[in-house]
Amino acid sequence: MPRPNRFYNVTRLGPVQVGSYYDGRGRTKHSAACTAPGCGFSAEYVERSAAELAARTHRCKP
């Protein structure tokens, strides 16, 4: 069973949270996820700037 991700450096840009974590191979990954009810947007990126750009440009369509 895989272990859950431990996020650090979590920031909130509007309804979207951006956080960094280490994957199972020790590489740093960045995730952006919308916290609005019924939205369901989430994505993983290699660079933090890409995750923050996705968070800034995200428009919810619940």
PDB file of N, CA and C in Angstrom:
ATOM      1  N   MET A   1       0.835  -1.171   0.000  1.00  0.00           N
ATOM      2  CA  MET A   1       0.000   0.000   0.000  1.00  0.00           C
ATOM      3  C   MET A   1       0.892   1.250   0.000  1.00  0.00           C
ATOM      4  N   PRO A   2       0.671   2.188  -0.928  1.00  0.00           N
ATOM      5  CA  PRO A   2       1.526   3.378  -0.988  1.00  0.00           C
ATOM      6  C   PRO A   2       1.272   4.304   0.189  1.00  0.00           C
ATOM      7  N   ARG A   3       2.326   4.998   0.575  1.00  0.00           N
ATOM      8  CA  ARG A   3       2.178   5.925   1.683  1.00  0.00           C
ATOM      9  C   ARG A   3       1.592   7.241   1.173  1.00  0.00           C
ATOM     10  N   PRO A   4       0.846   7.967   1.985  1.00  0.00           N
ATOM     11  CA  PRO A   4       0.267   9.240   1.549  1.00  0.00           C
ATOM     12  C   PRO A   4       1.336  10.315   1.389  1.00  0.00           C
ATOM     13  N   ASN A   5       1.063  11.271   0.522  1.00  0.00           N
ATOM     14  CA  ASN A   5       1.994  12.370   0.303  1.00  0.00           C
ATOM     15  C   ASN A   5       2.014  13.291   1.514  1.00  0.00           C
ATOM     16  N   ARG A   6       3.205  13.779   1.866  1.00  0.00           N
ATOM     17  CA  ARG A   6       3.356  14.749   2.951  1.00  0.00           C
ATOM     18  C   ARG A   6       3.719  16.068   2.302  1.00  0.00           C
ATOM     19  N   PHE A   7       2.759  16.962   2.251  1.00  0.00           N
ATOM     20  CA  PHE A   7       2.945  18.239   1.577  1.00  0.00           C
ATOM     21  C   PHE A   7       3.652  19.239   2.479  1.00  0.00           C
ATOM     22  N   TYR A   8       4.504  20.048   1.864  1.00  0.00           N
ATOM     23  CA  TYR A   8       5.148  21.155   2.550  1.00  0.00           C
ATOM     24  C   TYR A   8       5.064  22.359   1.632  1.00  0.00           C
ATOM     25  N   ASN A   9       5.342  23.524   2.157  1.00  0.00           N
ATOM     26  CA  ASN A   9       5.298  24.764   1.383  1.00  0.00           C
ATOM     27  C   ASN A   9       3.951  24.915   0.682  1.00  0.00           C
ATOM     28  N   VAL A  10       2.872  24.787   1.434  1.00  0.00           N
ATOM     29  CA  VAL A  10       1.525  24.869   0.890  1.00  0.00           C
ATOM     30  C   VAL A  10       1.074  26.325   0.894  1.00  0.00           C
ATOM     31  N   THR A  11       0.583  26.786  -0.257  1.00  0.00           N
ATOM     32  CA  THR A  11       0.031  28.135  -0.374  1.00  0.00           C
ATOM     33  C   THR A  11      -1.338  28.054  -1.014  1.00  0.00           C
ATOM     34  N   ARG A  12      -2.108  29.105  -0.808  1.00  0.00           N
ATOM     35  CA  ARG A  12      -3.457  29.153  -1.350  1.00  0.00           C
ATOM     36  C   ARG A  12      -3.569  30.344  -2.281  1.00  0.00           C
ATOM     37  N   LEU A  13      -4.010  30.111  -3.513  1.00  0.00           N
ATOM     38  CA  LEU A  13      -4.228  31.158  -4.497  1.00  0.00           C
ATOM     39  C   LEU A  13      -5.691  31.088  -4.922  1.00  0.00           C
ATOM     40  N   GLY A  14      -6.516  31.907  -4.300  1.00  0.00           N
ATOM     41  CA  GLY A  14      -7.959  31.811  -4.536  1.00  0.00           C
ATOM     42  C   GLY A  14      -8.468  30.514  -3.932  1.00  0.00           C
ATOM     43  N   PRO A  15      -9.277  29.760  -4.677  1.00  0.00           N
ATOM     44  CA  PRO A  15      -9.765  28.484  -4.139  1.00  0.00           C
ATOM     45  C   PRO A  15      -8.787  27.330  -4.338  1.00  0.00           C
ATOM     46  N   VAL A  16      -7.654  27.581  -4.980  1.00  0.00           N
ATOM     47  CA  VAL A  16      -6.708  26.509  -5.319  1.00  0.00           C
ATOM     48  C   VAL A  16      -5.538  26.501  -4.337  1.00  0.00           C
ATOM     49  N   GLN A  17      -5.205  25.323  -3.858  1.00  0.00           N
ATOM     50  CA  GLN A  17      -4.047  25.150  -2.996  1.00  0.00           C
ATOM     51  C   GLN A  17      -2.919  24.524  -3.803  1.00  0.00           C
ATOM     52  N   VAL A  18      -1.718  25.049  -3.605  1.00  0.00           N
ATOM     53  CA  VAL A  18      -0.517  24.536  -4.269  1.00  0.00           C
ATOM     54  C   VAL A  18       0.420  24.031  -3.182  1.00  0.00           C
ATOM     55  N   GLY A  19       0.893  22.806  -3.346  1.00  0.00           N
ATOM     56  CA  GLY A  19       1.790  22.228  -2.362  1.00  0.00           C
ATOM     57  C   GLY A  19       2.886  21.411  -3.016  1.00  0.00           C
ATOM     58  N   SER A  20       4.013  21.290  -2.332  1.00  0.00           N
ATOM     59  CA  SER A  20       5.148  20.512  -2.815  1.00  0.00           C
ATOM     60  C   SER A  20       5.257  19.233  -1.992  1.00  0.00           C
ATOM     61  N   TYR A  21       5.771  18.183  -2.624  1.00  0.00           N
ATOM     62  CA  TYR A  21       5.978  16.911  -1.934  1.00  0.00           C
ATOM     63  C   TYR A  21       7.055  16.120  -2.656  1.00  0.00           C
ATOM     64  N   TYR A  22       7.564  15.100  -1.981  1.00  0.00           N
ATOM     65  CA  TYR A  22       8.539  14.186  -2.575  1.00  0.00           C
ATOM     66  C   TYR A  22       7.806  12.922  -3.010  1.00  0.00           C
ATOM     67  N   ASP A  23       8.023  12.499  -4.259  1.00  0.00           N
ATOM     68  CA  ASP A  23       7.396  11.260  -4.705  1.00  0.00           C
ATOM     69  C   ASP A  23       8.161  10.066  -4.135  1.00  0.00           C
ATOM     70  N   GLY A  24       7.762   8.868  -4.468  1.00  0.00           N
ATOM     71  CA  GLY A  24       8.368   7.657  -3.931  1.00  0.00           C
ATOM     72  C   GLY A  24       9.825   7.484  -4.301  1.00  0.00           C
ATOM     73  N   ARG A  25      10.310   8.205  -5.311  1.00  0.00           N
ATOM     74  CA  ARG A  25      11.703   8.097  -5.740  1.00  0.00           C
ATOM     75  C   ARG A  25      12.554   9.259  -5.268  1.00  0.00           C
ATOM     76  N   GLY A  26      12.009  10.108  -4.400  1.00  0.00           N
ATOM     77  CA  GLY A  26      12.775  11.206  -3.839  1.00  0.00           C
ATOM     78  C   GLY A  26      12.795  12.470  -4.668  1.00  0.00           C
ATOM     79  N   ARG A  27      12.050  12.515  -5.761  1.00  0.00           N
ATOM     80  CA  ARG A  27      11.991  13.718  -6.595  1.00  0.00           C
ATOM     81  C   ARG A  27      10.940  14.668  -6.057  1.00  0.00           C
ATOM     82  N   THR A  28      11.183  15.951  -6.222  1.00  0.00           N
ATOM     83  CA  THR A  28      10.223  16.949  -5.776  1.00  0.00           C
ATOM     84  C   THR A  28       9.160  17.144  -6.841  1.00  0.00           C
ATOM     85  N   LYS A  29       7.905  17.075  -6.436  1.00  0.00           N
ATOM     86  CA  LYS A  29       6.764  17.309  -7.317  1.00  0.00           C
ATOM     87  C   LYS A  29       5.910  18.401  -6.702  1.00  0.00           C
ATOM     88  N   HIS A  30       5.061  19.008  -7.516  1.00  0.00           N
ATOM     89  CA  HIS A  30       4.197  20.080  -7.062  1.00  0.00           C
ATOM     90  C   HIS A  30       2.780  19.788  -7.529  1.00  0.00           C
ATOM     91  N   SER A  31       1.827  20.037  -6.670  1.00  0.00           N
ATOM     92  CA  SER A  31       0.445  19.718  -6.962  1.00  0.00           C
ATOM     93  C   SER A  31      -0.423  20.950  -6.771  1.00  0.00           C
ATOM     94  N   ALA A  32      -1.413  21.113  -7.652  1.00  0.00           N
ATOM     95  CA  ALA A  32      -2.406  22.171  -7.538  1.00  0.00           C
ATOM     96  C   ALA A  32      -3.771  21.500  -7.483  1.00  0.00           C
ATOM     97  N   ALA A  33      -4.584  21.872  -6.488  1.00  0.00           N
ATOM     98  CA  ALA A  33      -5.905  21.265  -6.325  1.00  0.00           C
ATOM     99  C   ALA A  33      -6.903  22.319  -5.881  1.00  0.00           C
ATOM    100  N   CYS A  34      -8.072  22.312  -6.516  1.00  0.00           N
ATOM    101  CA  CYS A  34      -9.125  23.265  -6.178  1.00  0.00           C
ATOM    102  C   CYS A  34      -9.930  22.717  -5.000  1.00  0.00           C
ATOM    103  N   THR A  35     -10.237  23.576  -4.039  1.00  0.00           N
ATOM    104  CA  THR A  35     -10.956  23.164  -2.845  1.00  0.00           C
ATOM    105  C   THR A  35     -12.427  23.526  -2.900  1.00  0.00           C
ATOM    106  N   ALA A  36     -12.905  24.085  -4.019  1.00  0.00           N
ATOM    107  CA  ALA A  36     -14.320  24.441  -4.139  1.00  0.00           C
ATOM    108  C   ALA A  36     -15.168  23.171  -4.211  1.00  0.00           C
ATOM    109  N   PRO A  37     -16.343  23.169  -3.575  1.00  0.00           N
ATOM    110  CA  PRO A  37     -17.179  21.968  -3.615  1.00  0.00           C
ATOM    111  C   PRO A  37     -17.643  21.656  -5.043  1.00  0.00           C
ATOM    112  N   GLY A  38     -17.470  20.421  -5.449  1.00  0.00           N
ATOM    113  CA  GLY A  38     -17.924  19.967  -6.749  1.00  0.00           C
ATOM    114  C   GLY A  38     -17.006  20.290  -7.911  1.00  0.00           C
ATOM    115  N   CYS A  39     -15.850  20.876  -7.685  1.00  0.00           N
ATOM    116  CA  CYS A  39     -14.974  21.262  -8.786  1.00  0.00           C
ATOM    117  C   CYS A  39     -14.162  20.073  -9.289  1.00  0.00           C
ATOM    118  N   GLY A  40     -13.321  19.496  -8.460  1.00  0.00           N
ATOM    119  CA  GLY A  40     -12.559  18.317  -8.843  1.00  0.00           C
ATOM    120  C   GLY A  40     -11.277  18.575  -9.618  1.00  0.00           C
ATOM    121  N   PHE A  41     -10.839  19.825  -9.746  1.00  0.00           N
ATOM    122  CA  PHE A  41      -9.596  20.117 -10.460  1.00  0.00           C
ATOM    123  C   PHE A  41      -8.396  19.763  -9.601  1.00  0.00           C
ATOM    124  N   SER A  42      -7.473  19.007 -10.165  1.00  0.00           N
ATOM    125  CA  SER A  42      -6.181  18.760  -9.531  1.00  0.00           C
ATOM    126  C   SER A  42      -5.193  18.353 -10.613  1.00  0.00           C
ATOM    127  N   ALA A  43      -3.935  18.739 -10.421  1.00  0.00           N
ATOM    128  CA  ALA A  43      -2.895  18.420 -11.395  1.00  0.00           C
ATOM    129  C   ALA A  43      -1.541  18.401 -10.697  1.00  0.00           C
ATOM    130  N   GLU A  44      -0.624  17.604 -11.238  1.00  0.00           N
ATOM    131  CA  GLU A  44       0.736  17.514 -10.711  1.00  0.00           C
ATOM    132  C   GLU A  44       1.702  18.082 -11.733  1.00  0.00           C
ATOM    133  N   TYR A  45       2.729  18.774 -11.244  1.00  0.00           N
ATOM    134  CA  TYR A  45       3.709  19.425 -12.105  1.00  0.00           C
ATOM    135  C   TYR A  45       5.113  19.161 -11.591  1.00  0.00           C
ATOM    136  N   VAL A  46       6.085  19.295 -12.484  1.00  0.00           N
ATOM    137  CA  VAL A  46       7.485  19.126 -12.114  1.00  0.00           C
ATOM    138  C   VAL A  46       8.028  20.420 -11.533  1.00  0.00           C
ATOM    139  N   GLU A  47       7.542  21.571 -12.001  1.00  0.00           N
ATOM    140  CA  GLU A  47       8.025  22.866 -11.531  1.00  0.00           C
ATOM    141  C   GLU A  47       6.950  23.602 -10.742  1.00  0.00           C
ATOM    142  N   ARG A  48       7.370  24.278  -9.708  1.00  0.00           N
ATOM    143  CA  ARG A  48       6.448  25.021  -8.849  1.00  0.00           C
ATOM    144  C   ARG A  48       5.768  26.156  -9.618  1.00  0.00           C
ATOM    145  N   SER A  49       6.504  26.819 -10.505  1.00  0.00           N
ATOM    146  CA  SER A  49       5.931  27.937 -11.247  1.00  0.00           C
ATOM    147  C   SER A  49       4.779  27.478 -12.132  1.00  0.00           C
ATOM    148  N   ALA A  50       4.849  26.285 -12.680  1.00  0.00           N
ATOM    149  CA  ALA A  50       3.760  25.759 -13.498  1.00  0.00           C
ATOM    150  C   ALA A  50       2.513  25.493 -12.660  1.00  0.00           C
ATOM    151  N   ALA A  51       2.704  24.977 -11.453  1.00  0.00           N
ATOM    152  CA  ALA A  51       1.566  24.735 -10.565  1.00  0.00           C
ATOM    153  C   ALA A  51       0.918  26.049 -10.132  1.00  0.00           C
ATOM    154  N   GLU A  52       1.732  27.064  -9.858  1.00  0.00           N
ATOM    155  CA  GLU A  52       1.179  28.353  -9.460  1.00  0.00           C
ATOM    156  C   GLU A  52       0.461  29.032 -10.626  1.00  0.00           C
ATOM    157  N   LEU A  53       0.974  28.886 -11.835  1.00  0.00           N
ATOM    158  CA  LEU A  53       0.300  29.437 -13.003  1.00  0.00           C
ATOM    159  C   LEU A  53      -1.056  28.763 -13.216  1.00  0.00           C
ATOM    160  N   ALA A  54      -1.109  27.457 -13.049  1.00  0.00           N
ATOM    161  CA  ALA A  54      -2.381  26.737 -13.174  1.00  0.00           C
ATOM    162  C   ALA A  54      -3.368  27.200 -12.110  1.00  0.00           C
ATOM    163  N   ALA A  55      -2.875  27.476 -10.910  1.00  0.00           N
ATOM    164  CA  ALA A  55      -3.751  27.939  -9.835  1.00  0.00           C
ATOM    165  C   ALA A  55      -4.294  29.336 -10.128  1.00  0.00           C
ATOM    166  N   ARG A  56      -3.461  30.199 -10.688  1.00  0.00           N
ATOM    167  CA  ARG A  56      -3.901  31.555 -10.980  1.00  0.00           C
ATOM    168  C   ARG A  56      -4.911  31.608 -12.117  1.00  0.00           C
ATOM    169  N   THR A  57      -4.783  30.736 -13.096  1.00  0.00           N
ATOM    170  CA  THR A  57      -5.644  30.776 -14.276  1.00  0.00           C
ATOM    171  C   THR A  57      -6.841  29.833 -14.201  1.00  0.00           C
ATOM    172  N   HIS A  58      -6.987  29.082 -13.107  1.00  0.00           N
ATOM    173  CA  HIS A  58      -8.082  28.127 -12.971  1.00  0.00           C
ATOM    174  C   HIS A  58      -9.426  28.842 -12.796  1.00  0.00           C
ATOM    175  N   ARG A  59     -10.422  28.378 -13.512  1.00  0.00           N
ATOM    176  CA  ARG A  59     -11.799  28.857 -13.369  1.00  0.00           C
ATOM    177  C   ARG A  59     -12.678  27.668 -13.032  1.00  0.00           C
ATOM    178  N   CYS A  60     -13.401  27.743 -11.929  1.00  0.00           N
ATOM    179  CA  CYS A  60     -14.242  26.636 -11.488  1.00  0.00           C
ATOM    180  C   CYS A  60     -15.489  26.511 -12.350  1.00  0.00           C
ATOM    181  N   LYS A  61     -15.831  25.245 -12.642  1.00  0.00           N
ATOM    182  CA  LYS A  61     -17.079  24.928 -13.348  1.00  0.00           C
ATOM    183  C   LYS A  61     -17.755  23.760 -12.665  1.00  0.00           C
ATOM    184  N   PRO A  62     -18.267  23.982 -11.448  1.00  0.00           N
ATOM    185  CA  PRO A  62     -18.898  22.857 -10.735  1.00  0.00           C
ATOM    186  C   PRO A  62     -20.245  22.461 -11.318  1.00  0.00           C
TER     187      PRO A  62
END
